[in-house]
């Protein structure tokens, strides 16, 4: 996927182009594992590259828990990042509108 970020208040970098490539494997009906490459290419700065891996578990049709571990692939990227979060999916809101 290709994403453009615009930060008008950014002092040095107002625009960042981000590329991602994800491989995801459904392990069970409720659980998936993923590996993702993330490349951030800011204007007027050096790029950073990450390898992100993790999993997700669907608690219900509208809730999931994610776990991610990311490793920087070059000196501009973070060394190690860990994240555990939950998300309330917008599936229910979309169903209610129809």
N, C-alpha and C. Protein backbone atom coordinates (compact mmCIF):
# COMPACT_ATOMS: atom_id res chain seq x y z
N UNK A 1 0.84 -1.15 0.00
CA UNK A 1 0.00 0.00 0.00
C UNK A 1 0.90 1.23 0.00
N UNK A 2 0.44 2.28 -0.59
CA UNK A 2 1.16 3.55 -0.65
C UNK A 2 0.30 4.61 0.04
N UNK A 3 0.90 5.31 1.02
CA UNK A 3 0.17 6.31 1.79
C UNK A 3 0.97 7.60 1.81
N UNK A 4 0.28 8.73 1.73
CA UNK A 4 0.90 10.05 1.84
C UNK A 4 0.43 10.71 3.13
N UNK A 5 1.37 11.20 3.93
CA UNK A 5 1.06 11.94 5.15
C UNK A 5 1.47 13.39 4.95
N UNK A 6 0.57 14.31 5.27
CA UNK A 6 0.86 15.74 5.19
C UNK A 6 0.76 16.33 6.58
N UNK A 7 1.82 16.97 7.02
CA UNK A 7 1.86 17.60 8.35
C UNK A 7 2.19 19.08 8.16
N UNK A 8 1.16 19.92 8.02
CA UNK A 8 1.41 21.35 7.77
C UNK A 8 2.22 22.02 8.87
N UNK A 9 2.14 21.55 10.10
CA UNK A 9 2.87 22.18 11.19
C UNK A 9 4.26 21.59 11.38
N UNK A 10 4.64 20.62 10.57
CA UNK A 10 5.97 20.02 10.69
C UNK A 10 7.06 21.04 10.40
N UNK A 11 8.07 21.07 11.24
CA UNK A 11 9.14 22.06 11.09
C UNK A 11 10.08 21.74 9.94
N UNK A 12 10.46 20.48 9.80
CA UNK A 12 11.41 20.12 8.74
C UNK A 12 10.77 19.29 7.64
N UNK A 13 9.86 18.41 7.98
CA UNK A 13 9.25 17.52 7.00
C UNK A 13 7.74 17.68 7.02
N UNK A 14 7.21 18.20 5.94
CA UNK A 14 5.76 18.40 5.86
C UNK A 14 5.05 17.24 5.16
N UNK A 15 5.80 16.43 4.39
CA UNK A 15 5.17 15.33 3.66
C UNK A 15 6.03 14.08 3.79
N UNK A 16 5.36 12.94 4.07
CA UNK A 16 6.04 11.65 4.16
C UNK A 16 5.28 10.66 3.28
N UNK A 17 6.00 9.96 2.44
CA UNK A 17 5.41 8.87 1.66
C UNK A 17 5.76 7.57 2.38
N UNK A 18 4.74 6.74 2.61
CA UNK A 18 4.97 5.46 3.31
C UNK A 18 4.52 4.32 2.41
N UNK A 19 5.40 3.34 2.26
CA UNK A 19 5.07 2.13 1.53
C UNK A 19 5.00 0.97 2.51
N UNK A 20 4.04 0.09 2.30
CA UNK A 20 3.92 -1.10 3.14
C UNK A 20 3.63 -2.31 2.26
N UNK A 21 4.12 -3.45 2.71
CA UNK A 21 3.83 -4.73 2.07
C UNK A 21 3.57 -5.72 3.19
N UNK A 22 2.38 -6.32 3.19
CA UNK A 22 1.95 -7.20 4.28
C UNK A 22 1.65 -8.60 3.76
N UNK A 23 2.12 -9.59 4.51
CA UNK A 23 1.74 -10.98 4.28
C UNK A 23 1.04 -11.43 5.56
N UNK A 24 -0.22 -11.84 5.42
CA UNK A 24 -1.02 -12.25 6.59
C UNK A 24 -1.52 -13.67 6.38
N UNK A 25 -1.50 -14.44 7.45
CA UNK A 25 -1.96 -15.83 7.41
C UNK A 25 -2.99 -16.05 8.49
N UNK A 26 -4.17 -16.49 8.10
CA UNK A 26 -5.21 -16.81 9.07
C UNK A 26 -4.88 -18.17 9.69
N UNK A 27 -4.69 -18.19 11.02
CA UNK A 27 -4.29 -19.41 11.72
C UNK A 27 -5.51 -20.20 12.17
N UNK A 28 -6.46 -19.50 12.74
CA UNK A 28 -7.74 -20.10 13.13
C UNK A 28 -8.85 -19.16 12.67
N UNK A 29 -10.07 -19.48 13.00
CA UNK A 29 -11.19 -18.63 12.62
C UNK A 29 -11.08 -17.24 13.25
N UNK A 30 -10.46 -17.15 14.43
CA UNK A 30 -10.37 -15.87 15.13
C UNK A 30 -8.96 -15.28 15.19
N UNK A 31 -7.93 -16.01 14.79
CA UNK A 31 -6.56 -15.54 14.96
C UNK A 31 -5.81 -15.48 13.62
N UNK A 32 -4.94 -14.46 13.48
CA UNK A 32 -4.11 -14.29 12.30
C UNK A 32 -2.71 -13.85 12.71
N UNK A 33 -1.73 -14.19 11.88
CA UNK A 33 -0.35 -13.73 12.05
C UNK A 33 0.04 -12.91 10.84
N UNK A 34 0.96 -11.95 11.02
CA UNK A 34 1.36 -11.11 9.90
C UNK A 34 2.82 -10.73 9.97
N UNK A 35 3.39 -10.44 8.82
CA UNK A 35 4.72 -9.87 8.67
C UNK A 35 4.56 -8.71 7.69
N UNK A 36 5.17 -7.56 8.03
CA UNK A 36 4.97 -6.36 7.22
C UNK A 36 6.28 -5.59 7.07
N UNK A 37 6.54 -5.13 5.87
CA UNK A 37 7.64 -4.21 5.62
C UNK A 37 7.05 -2.80 5.58
N UNK A 38 7.69 -1.85 6.26
CA UNK A 38 7.25 -0.45 6.25
C UNK A 38 8.44 0.42 5.87
N UNK A 39 8.27 1.23 4.85
CA UNK A 39 9.29 2.18 4.44
C UNK A 39 8.72 3.59 4.50
N UNK A 40 9.34 4.46 5.27
CA UNK A 40 8.93 5.86 5.35
C UNK A 40 9.94 6.70 4.59
N UNK A 41 9.45 7.50 3.66
CA UNK A 41 10.30 8.33 2.81
C UNK A 41 9.90 9.80 2.96
N UNK A 42 10.46 10.49 3.95
CA UNK A 42 10.12 11.90 4.14
C UNK A 42 10.83 12.79 3.12
N UNK A 43 10.16 13.87 2.77
CA UNK A 43 10.79 14.88 1.92
C UNK A 43 11.86 15.59 2.74
N UNK A 44 13.02 15.82 2.18
CA UNK A 44 14.14 16.52 2.84
C UNK A 44 14.75 15.75 4.00
N UNK A 45 14.61 14.41 4.02
CA UNK A 45 15.21 13.61 5.10
C UNK A 45 15.49 12.20 4.56
N UNK A 46 16.28 11.45 5.31
CA UNK A 46 16.62 10.08 4.91
C UNK A 46 15.48 9.12 5.24
N UNK A 47 15.30 8.07 4.47
CA UNK A 47 14.22 7.12 4.72
C UNK A 47 14.51 6.22 5.92
N UNK A 48 13.45 5.65 6.46
CA UNK A 48 13.58 4.64 7.52
C UNK A 48 12.82 3.39 7.07
N UNK A 49 13.34 2.23 7.47
CA UNK A 49 12.77 0.95 7.06
C UNK A 49 12.54 0.10 8.30
N UNK A 50 11.36 -0.51 8.40
CA UNK A 50 11.00 -1.36 9.54
C UNK A 50 10.50 -2.71 9.05
N UNK A 51 10.72 -3.72 9.86
CA UNK A 51 10.10 -5.02 9.67
C UNK A 51 9.19 -5.23 10.87
N UNK A 52 7.91 -5.30 10.63
CA UNK A 52 6.89 -5.40 11.67
C UNK A 52 6.28 -6.80 11.59
N UNK A 53 6.13 -7.45 12.73
CA UNK A 53 5.46 -8.75 12.77
C UNK A 53 4.55 -8.80 13.98
N UNK A 54 3.57 -9.66 13.92
CA UNK A 54 2.65 -9.73 15.05
C UNK A 54 1.46 -10.61 14.74
N UNK A 55 0.46 -10.43 15.56
CA UNK A 55 -0.75 -11.21 15.41
C UNK A 55 -1.95 -10.45 15.90
N UNK A 56 -3.10 -10.99 15.58
CA UNK A 56 -4.34 -10.40 16.08
C UNK A 56 -5.33 -11.50 16.40
N UNK A 57 -6.18 -11.20 17.36
CA UNK A 57 -7.19 -12.15 17.81
C UNK A 57 -8.52 -11.42 17.90
N UNK A 58 -9.54 -11.93 17.23
CA UNK A 58 -10.87 -11.34 17.25
C UNK A 58 -11.63 -11.83 18.49
N UNK A 59 -11.89 -10.91 19.41
CA UNK A 59 -12.65 -11.25 20.61
C UNK A 59 -14.14 -11.40 20.28
N UNK A 60 -14.61 -10.57 19.37
CA UNK A 60 -16.00 -10.59 18.92
C UNK A 60 -16.00 -10.03 17.50
N UNK A 61 -17.14 -9.99 16.84
CA UNK A 61 -17.16 -9.41 15.49
C UNK A 61 -16.76 -7.93 15.45
N UNK A 62 -16.81 -7.24 16.59
CA UNK A 62 -16.48 -5.81 16.60
C UNK A 62 -15.27 -5.46 17.46
N UNK A 63 -14.56 -6.45 18.02
CA UNK A 63 -13.40 -6.17 18.87
C UNK A 63 -12.26 -7.12 18.52
N UNK A 64 -11.02 -6.58 18.56
CA UNK A 64 -9.85 -7.41 18.35
C UNK A 64 -8.70 -6.90 19.20
N UNK A 65 -7.76 -7.80 19.49
CA UNK A 65 -6.54 -7.46 20.22
C UNK A 65 -5.37 -7.71 19.27
N UNK A 66 -4.45 -6.73 19.20
CA UNK A 66 -3.27 -6.83 18.33
C UNK A 66 -2.01 -6.86 19.17
N UNK A 67 -0.99 -7.58 18.69
CA UNK A 67 0.34 -7.53 19.27
C UNK A 67 1.33 -7.38 18.14
N UNK A 68 2.22 -6.38 18.25
CA UNK A 68 3.20 -6.11 17.20
C UNK A 68 4.60 -5.99 17.80
N UNK A 69 5.58 -6.48 17.06
CA UNK A 69 6.99 -6.27 17.37
C UNK A 69 7.63 -5.79 16.07
N UNK A 70 8.32 -4.63 16.14
CA UNK A 70 8.95 -4.07 14.95
C UNK A 70 10.44 -3.89 15.20
N UNK A 71 11.22 -4.12 14.17
CA UNK A 71 12.67 -3.96 14.22
C UNK A 71 13.09 -3.00 13.12
N UNK A 72 13.94 -2.05 13.47
CA UNK A 72 14.48 -1.13 12.48
C UNK A 72 15.48 -1.82 11.58
N UNK A 73 15.39 -1.56 10.29
CA UNK A 73 16.30 -2.17 9.33
C UNK A 73 17.43 -1.24 8.92
N UNK A 74 17.37 0.02 9.35
CA UNK A 74 18.48 0.95 9.10
C UNK A 74 18.61 1.90 10.28
N UNK A 75 19.61 2.76 10.26
CA UNK A 75 19.90 3.62 11.41
C UNK A 75 18.85 4.70 11.65
N UNK A 76 17.99 4.99 10.68
CA UNK A 76 16.94 6.00 10.86
C UNK A 76 15.69 5.45 11.52
N UNK A 77 15.56 4.15 11.59
CA UNK A 77 14.36 3.52 12.15
C UNK A 77 14.57 3.21 13.63
N UNK A 78 13.47 3.04 14.33
CA UNK A 78 13.53 2.66 15.74
C UNK A 78 14.18 1.28 15.85
N UNK A 79 14.90 1.05 16.92
CA UNK A 79 15.57 -0.25 17.09
C UNK A 79 14.56 -1.37 17.31
N UNK A 80 13.80 -1.28 18.39
CA UNK A 80 12.80 -2.30 18.70
C UNK A 80 11.55 -1.59 19.22
N UNK A 81 10.40 -1.95 18.69
CA UNK A 81 9.12 -1.40 19.15
C UNK A 81 8.20 -2.56 19.48
N UNK A 82 7.52 -2.46 20.59
CA UNK A 82 6.52 -3.46 20.96
C UNK A 82 5.23 -2.73 21.23
N UNK A 83 4.12 -3.34 20.84
CA UNK A 83 2.83 -2.69 21.04
C UNK A 83 1.76 -3.74 21.26
N UNK A 84 0.94 -3.53 22.24
CA UNK A 84 -0.23 -4.36 22.49
C UNK A 84 -1.40 -3.41 22.57
N UNK A 85 -2.36 -3.59 21.71
CA UNK A 85 -3.52 -2.70 21.75
C UNK A 85 -4.77 -3.45 21.36
N UNK A 86 -5.88 -2.81 21.59
CA UNK A 86 -7.15 -3.39 21.21
C UNK A 86 -7.87 -2.40 20.32
N UNK A 87 -8.73 -2.90 19.51
CA UNK A 87 -9.47 -2.06 18.59
C UNK A 87 -10.93 -2.43 18.62
N UNK A 88 -11.76 -1.43 18.55
CA UNK A 88 -13.19 -1.65 18.37
C UNK A 88 -13.45 -1.42 16.89
N UNK A 89 -13.81 -2.47 16.20
CA UNK A 89 -13.98 -2.40 14.76
C UNK A 89 -15.27 -1.68 14.41
N UNK A 90 -15.29 -1.06 13.27
CA UNK A 90 -16.43 -0.28 12.85
C UNK A 90 -17.48 -1.12 12.10
N UNK A 91 -17.43 -2.40 12.28
CA UNK A 91 -18.37 -3.29 11.60
C UNK A 91 -19.79 -3.02 12.07
N UNK A 92 -19.98 -2.89 13.36
CA UNK A 92 -21.31 -2.69 13.92
C UNK A 92 -21.90 -1.36 13.43
N UNK A 93 -21.12 -0.32 13.40
CA UNK A 93 -21.62 0.99 12.96
C UNK A 93 -22.07 0.93 11.51
N UNK A 94 -21.32 0.21 10.68
CA UNK A 94 -21.69 0.07 9.27
C UNK A 94 -22.98 -0.73 9.12
N UNK A 95 -23.15 -1.76 9.95
CA UNK A 95 -24.38 -2.58 9.87
C UNK A 95 -25.59 -1.78 10.34
N UNK A 96 -25.41 -0.94 11.36
CA UNK A 96 -26.52 -0.15 11.88
C UNK A 96 -27.01 0.87 10.86
N UNK A 97 -26.13 1.39 10.00
CA UNK A 97 -26.53 2.39 9.01
C UNK A 97 -27.30 1.78 7.85
N UNK A 98 -27.14 0.50 7.60
CA UNK A 98 -27.82 -0.10 6.43
C UNK A 98 -29.18 -0.65 6.78
